[in-house]
Amino acid sequence: MTKLRAGSAIILLFAALAALAPWIAPFDPQTLSLPDRLEPPSLTHWLGRDDNGADVFSKLVYGARVSLSVAWIVVTISATTGLLIGSWAGYRGGWADHLLMRVVDVFHAFPGFLIALGFVAMLGPSFRNLIFALCFTSWTSFARLVRGEVLHLKHREHVQAARAIGAGGLRILARHIWPSLFALLLVQATFAMAATIIAESGLSFLGLGVPPDQDTWGGLLNSGRRILSEAPHVSFSAGAAIMLLVFGFNMFGDGLRDRLDPRRG
């Protein structure tokens, strides 16, 4: 319960920062002041300035918008796709199940980040291409999880009874199987959010995320890398934000799993 509350508090904090960025950010993150570049943290600029003289805290606040938006969209699309494909394969069985597992095995033979990196490098950095590249591999973990649960649930007595009275496959999935998958998918989604934030930050760090005119944590981390010895506060601030938000999602996922899983104490 403590993990659930701690994770929720961290996530809500970053969500509030992202939603209220225009009112919370003390400065415009695009405003540059070269004479004040690399200024250390102060009462005016809480996290200092970067190599262009922009306020680091304001860039972090606006960067939270990008990370959370990308994570939310990617996980929603991936979970929906994985639910539909995994349910179809698990319920049908036979060739459909074998086909899905071979496709999933192909995707898992290569690191998902490298596949996304190749797609963005080929298509070019943009918000839409970033979403597409991350969704292209993220759905497989949801599909494999759903497929395994459906293979087990479709032999339950209430599902067999529904089939015996003539209920169709879609009706059985929607009314008798999918409700039992909600808790499992919710827990998986929280861990997928953390993984997506890391992937998005990694691609932005390499310059292959969203366009450079948008503030991102990965981009800020990359700009701070070049001046690490002169102004460590730039990289430290971005790295700490990524670490804290990922930690929050993982804590929330652990607490949620303990709360929703009846097999745990």
Protein backbone atom coordinates (compact mmCIF):
# COMPACT_ATOMS: atom_id res chain seq x y z
CA MET A 1 0.00 0.00 0.00
CA THR A 2 2.91 2.32 0.76
CA LYS A 3 4.41 1.65 -2.66
CA LEU A 4 1.08 2.38 -4.32
CA ARG A 5 0.72 5.71 -2.54
CA ALA A 6 4.33 6.73 -3.12
CA GLY A 7 4.14 5.87 -6.81
CA SER A 8 0.81 7.67 -7.19
CA ALA A 9 2.21 10.80 -5.54
CA ILE A 10 5.22 10.92 -7.89
CA ILE A 11 3.10 10.32 -11.00
CA LEU A 12 0.51 12.92 -9.99
CA LEU A 13 3.27 15.44 -9.28
CA PHE A 14 4.74 15.11 -12.77
CA ALA A 15 1.28 15.01 -14.35
CA ALA A 16 0.40 18.27 -12.60
CA LEU A 17 3.66 19.87 -13.74
CA ALA A 18 2.96 18.82 -17.32
CA ALA A 19 -0.67 19.95 -17.31
CA LEU A 20 0.07 23.30 -15.67
CA ALA A 21 3.37 23.97 -17.44
CA PRO A 22 2.41 27.42 -18.83
CA TRP A 23 1.52 28.62 -15.33
CA ILE A 24 4.21 26.76 -13.33
CA ALA A 25 7.26 27.41 -15.52
CA PRO A 26 8.80 30.68 -14.28
CA PHE A 27 10.37 31.48 -17.67
CA ASP A 28 9.82 30.72 -21.34
CA PRO A 29 12.06 27.69 -22.04
CA GLN A 30 12.79 29.07 -25.53
CA THR A 31 14.11 32.39 -24.20
CA LEU A 32 17.90 32.45 -24.52
CA SER A 33 20.45 34.58 -22.68
CA LEU A 34 23.96 33.77 -23.84
CA PRO A 35 25.70 36.12 -21.38
CA ASP A 36 24.13 34.08 -18.53
CA ARG A 37 24.84 30.62 -19.97
CA LEU A 38 25.74 27.84 -17.52
CA GLU A 39 24.60 29.90 -14.55
CA PRO A 40 24.42 27.61 -11.48
CA PRO A 41 21.21 27.09 -9.49
CA SER A 42 19.99 30.17 -7.65
CA LEU A 43 16.87 31.56 -6.02
CA THR A 44 15.77 32.96 -9.39
CA HIS A 45 16.72 29.98 -11.54
CA TRP A 46 16.16 26.99 -9.27
CA LEU A 47 18.02 24.51 -11.46
CA GLY A 48 20.32 26.99 -13.19
CA ARG A 49 20.67 27.73 -16.90
CA ASP A 50 21.81 25.54 -19.79
CA ASP A 51 24.49 26.22 -22.42
CA ASN A 52 22.16 28.66 -24.22
CA GLY A 53 21.13 30.51 -21.09
CA ALA A 54 17.63 29.00 -20.94
CA ASP A 55 16.05 28.18 -17.60
CA VAL A 56 16.55 24.45 -16.87
CA PHE A 57 13.53 24.08 -14.59
CA SER A 58 11.21 25.51 -17.26
CA LYS A 59 12.65 23.12 -19.85
CA LEU A 60 12.09 20.19 -17.46
CA VAL A 61 8.47 21.18 -16.87
CA TYR A 62 7.71 21.39 -20.59
CA GLY A 63 9.73 18.22 -21.22
CA ALA A 64 7.41 16.34 -18.87
CA ARG A 65 4.59 17.06 -21.32
CA VAL A 66 6.41 15.27 -24.13
CA SER A 67 7.44 12.24 -22.06
CA LEU A 68 4.02 11.68 -20.50
CA SER A 69 2.14 12.30 -23.76
CA VAL A 70 4.30 9.85 -25.70
CA ALA A 71 4.08 7.23 -22.95
CA TRP A 72 0.29 7.54 -22.64
CA ILE A 73 -0.37 7.33 -26.38
CA VAL A 74 2.08 4.47 -27.01
CA VAL A 75 0.83 2.38 -24.09
CA THR A 76 -2.84 2.95 -24.97
CA ILE A 77 -2.33 1.91 -28.60
CA SER A 78 -0.05 -1.01 -27.69
CA ALA A 79 -2.36 -2.34 -24.98
CA THR A 80 -5.40 -2.16 -27.26
CA THR A 81 -3.57 -3.85 -30.13
CA GLY A 82 -2.11 -6.50 -27.87
CA LEU A 83 -5.51 -7.17 -26.27
CA LEU A 84 -7.23 -7.70 -29.62
CA ILE A 85 -4.50 -9.81 -31.24
CA GLY A 86 -3.69 -11.80 -28.11
CA SER A 87 -7.36 -12.52 -27.43
CA TRP A 88 -7.96 -13.64 -31.01
CA ALA A 89 -4.95 -15.97 -31.01
CA GLY A 90 -5.58 -17.39 -27.54
CA TYR A 91 -9.28 -17.98 -28.07
CA ARG A 92 -9.00 -19.42 -31.57
CA GLY A 93 -5.88 -21.48 -30.94
CA GLY A 94 -4.49 -23.60 -33.76
CA TRP A 95 -2.83 -21.81 -36.67
CA ALA A 96 -3.79 -18.36 -35.36
CA ASP A 97 -1.98 -19.01 -32.10
CA HIS A 98 1.10 -20.43 -33.84
CA LEU A 99 1.21 -17.49 -36.26
CA LEU A 100 1.07 -14.94 -33.45
CA MET A 101 3.81 -16.61 -31.44
CA ARG A 102 6.12 -16.78 -34.45
CA VAL A 103 5.57 -13.07 -35.12
CA VAL A 104 6.23 -12.26 -31.46
CA ASP A 105 9.37 -14.41 -31.49
CA VAL A 106 10.66 -12.45 -34.49
CA PHE A 107 10.12 -9.15 -32.69
CA HIS A 108 11.74 -10.42 -29.50
CA ALA A 109 14.77 -11.64 -31.44
CA PHE A 110 15.85 -8.00 -31.77
CA PRO A 111 15.96 -5.33 -29.04
CA GLY A 112 12.86 -3.18 -29.34
CA PHE A 113 14.84 0.02 -28.87
CA LEU A 114 17.05 -0.76 -31.86
CA ILE A 115 14.01 -1.44 -34.05
CA ALA A 116 12.46 1.87 -32.97
CA LEU A 117 15.80 3.60 -33.55
CA GLY A 118 15.97 2.24 -37.09
CA PHE A 119 12.42 3.32 -37.89
CA VAL A 120 12.87 6.87 -36.61
CA ALA A 121 16.22 7.19 -38.36
CA MET A 122 14.58 6.09 -41.62
CA LEU A 123 11.37 8.14 -41.29
CA GLY A 124 12.87 11.22 -39.66
CA PRO A 125 12.34 12.77 -36.22
CA SER A 126 8.73 13.79 -35.57
CA PHE A 127 6.10 13.18 -32.91
CA ARG A 128 4.06 10.92 -35.20
CA ASN A 129 7.06 8.86 -36.32
CA LEU A 130 8.19 8.47 -32.71
CA ILE A 131 4.77 7.14 -31.70
CA PHE A 132 4.71 4.73 -34.65
CA ALA A 133 8.21 3.43 -33.97
CA LEU A 134 7.56 2.76 -30.28
CA CYS A 135 4.15 1.16 -30.92
CA PHE A 136 5.63 -1.09 -33.59
CA THR A 137 7.33 -3.26 -30.97
CA SER A 138 5.52 -2.44 -27.70
CA TRP A 139 2.31 -4.35 -28.52
CA THR A 140 4.04 -7.76 -28.48
CA SER A 141 4.46 -7.92 -24.70
CA PHE A 142 0.74 -7.19 -24.21
CA ALA A 143 -0.25 -9.74 -26.85
CA ARG A 144 1.85 -12.49 -25.29
CA LEU A 145 0.48 -11.74 -21.82
CA VAL A 146 -3.15 -11.67 -23.00
CA ARG A 147 -2.74 -14.80 -25.10
CA GLY A 148 -1.48 -16.79 -22.12
CA GLU A 149 -4.33 -15.65 -19.89
CA VAL A 150 -6.99 -16.30 -22.53
CA LEU A 151 -5.67 -19.83 -23.07
CA HIS A 152 -6.31 -20.41 -19.38
CA LEU A 153 -9.58 -18.50 -18.99
CA LYS A 154 -11.37 -20.01 -21.99
CA HIS A 155 -11.54 -23.36 -20.16
CA ARG A 156 -13.29 -21.87 -17.10
CA GLU A 157 -16.76 -23.19 -16.34
CA HIS A 158 -18.59 -19.90 -16.93
CA VAL A 159 -16.94 -19.51 -20.34
CA GLN A 160 -17.82 -23.09 -21.28
CA ALA A 161 -21.39 -22.49 -20.15
CA ALA A 162 -21.64 -19.35 -22.30
CA ARG A 163 -20.34 -21.27 -25.29
CA ALA A 164 -22.82 -24.09 -24.62
CA ILE A 165 -25.83 -21.77 -24.83
CA GLY A 166 -24.62 -20.43 -28.18
CA ALA A 167 -22.78 -17.22 -27.28
CA GLY A 168 -20.42 -16.02 -30.00
CA GLY A 169 -16.69 -15.62 -29.62
CA LEU A 170 -16.75 -11.82 -29.45
CA ARG A 171 -19.53 -11.83 -26.83
CA ILE A 172 -17.63 -14.37 -24.72
CA LEU A 173 -14.44 -12.32 -24.91
CA ALA A 174 -16.15 -9.03 -24.12
CA ARG A 175 -18.39 -10.24 -21.26
CA HIS A 176 -16.58 -13.19 -19.71
CA ILE A 177 -12.85 -12.94 -20.44
CA TRP A 178 -11.80 -9.31 -20.87
CA PRO A 179 -13.12 -8.17 -17.46
CA SER A 180 -10.80 -10.72 -15.86
CA LEU A 181 -7.85 -9.24 -17.76
CA PHE A 182 -8.34 -5.66 -16.61
CA ALA A 183 -6.13 -5.86 -13.51
CA LEU A 184 -3.39 -7.70 -15.36
CA LEU A 185 -3.34 -5.19 -18.22
CA LEU A 186 -3.37 -2.25 -15.83
CA VAL A 187 -0.28 -3.52 -14.02
CA GLN A 188 1.49 -4.27 -17.29
CA ALA A 189 0.61 -0.80 -18.59
CA THR A 190 2.30 0.92 -15.65
CA PHE A 191 5.58 -0.91 -16.31
CA ALA A 192 5.19 -0.22 -20.04
CA MET A 193 4.83 3.51 -19.26
CA ALA A 194 8.19 3.45 -17.48
CA ALA A 195 9.85 1.57 -20.35
CA THR A 196 8.37 3.96 -22.93
CA ILE A 197 9.65 7.03 -21.05
CA ILE A 198 13.15 5.54 -21.06
CA ALA A 199 12.90 4.71 -24.78
CA GLU A 200 11.60 8.18 -25.67
CA SER A 201 14.35 9.84 -23.64
CA GLY A 202 16.96 7.63 -25.28
CA LEU A 203 15.77 8.51 -28.79
CA SER A 204 15.62 12.21 -27.90
CA PHE A 205 19.12 11.95 -26.45
CA LEU A 206 20.29 10.69 -29.85
CA GLY A 207 18.43 13.48 -31.66
CA LEU A 208 15.85 11.06 -33.13
CA GLY A 209 12.83 11.87 -30.99
CA VAL A 210 10.55 14.84 -31.46
CA PRO A 211 11.79 17.85 -33.48
CA PRO A 212 14.58 19.85 -31.79
CA ASP A 213 12.33 22.88 -31.24
CA GLN A 214 10.42 20.93 -28.55
CA ASP A 215 11.94 20.58 -25.10
CA THR A 216 12.55 16.99 -24.01
CA TRP A 217 14.37 15.39 -21.13
CA GLY A 218 16.56 13.37 -23.47
CA GLY A 219 17.50 16.47 -25.44
CA LEU A 220 18.37 18.33 -22.25
CA LEU A 221 20.44 15.37 -21.10
CA ASN A 222 22.33 15.41 -24.39
CA SER A 223 23.01 19.14 -24.26
CA GLY A 224 24.29 18.77 -20.70
CA ARG A 225 26.62 15.94 -21.72
CA ARG A 226 28.81 18.34 -23.68
CA ILE A 227 29.26 20.65 -20.69
CA LEU A 228 29.27 18.05 -17.95
CA SER A 229 32.51 19.25 -16.39
CA GLU A 230 31.46 22.92 -16.45
CA ALA A 231 27.76 22.68 -15.55
CA PRO A 232 26.81 19.26 -14.16
CA HIS A 233 23.46 20.63 -12.98
CA VAL A 234 22.02 20.45 -16.53
CA SER A 235 22.51 16.71 -17.03
CA PHE A 236 21.82 15.93 -13.38
CA SER A 237 18.43 17.68 -13.48
CA ALA A 238 17.28 15.83 -16.60
CA GLY A 239 18.61 12.49 -15.40
CA ALA A 240 17.00 12.92 -11.99
CA ALA A 241 13.61 13.72 -13.58
CA ILE A 242 13.75 10.60 -15.77
CA MET A 243 14.85 8.41 -12.88
CA LEU A 244 12.20 9.75 -10.48
CA LEU A 245 9.29 9.37 -12.90
CA VAL A 246 10.34 5.86 -13.96
CA PHE A 247 10.77 4.97 -10.29
CA GLY A 248 7.27 6.29 -9.61
CA PHE A 249 5.68 4.15 -12.32
CA ASN A 250 7.55 1.05 -11.16
CA MET A 251 6.53 1.68 -7.54
CA PHE A 252 2.94 2.22 -8.61
CA GLY A 253 2.99 -0.98 -10.68
CA ASP A 254 4.40 -3.03 -7.80
CA GLY A 255 1.84 -1.66 -5.38
CA LEU A 256 -0.99 -2.17 -7.85
CA ARG A 257 0.05 -5.75 -8.47
CA ASP A 258 0.12 -6.46 -4.71
CA ARG A 259 -3.32 -4.86 -4.33
CA LEU A 260 -5.07 -6.54 -7.27
CA ASP A 261 -3.49 -9.99 -7.27
CA PRO A 262 -5.53 -12.21 -4.90
CA ARG A 263 -2.74 -14.79 -4.80
CA ARG A 264 -0.48 -12.34 -2.97
CA GLY A 265 -0.71 -11.66 0.73
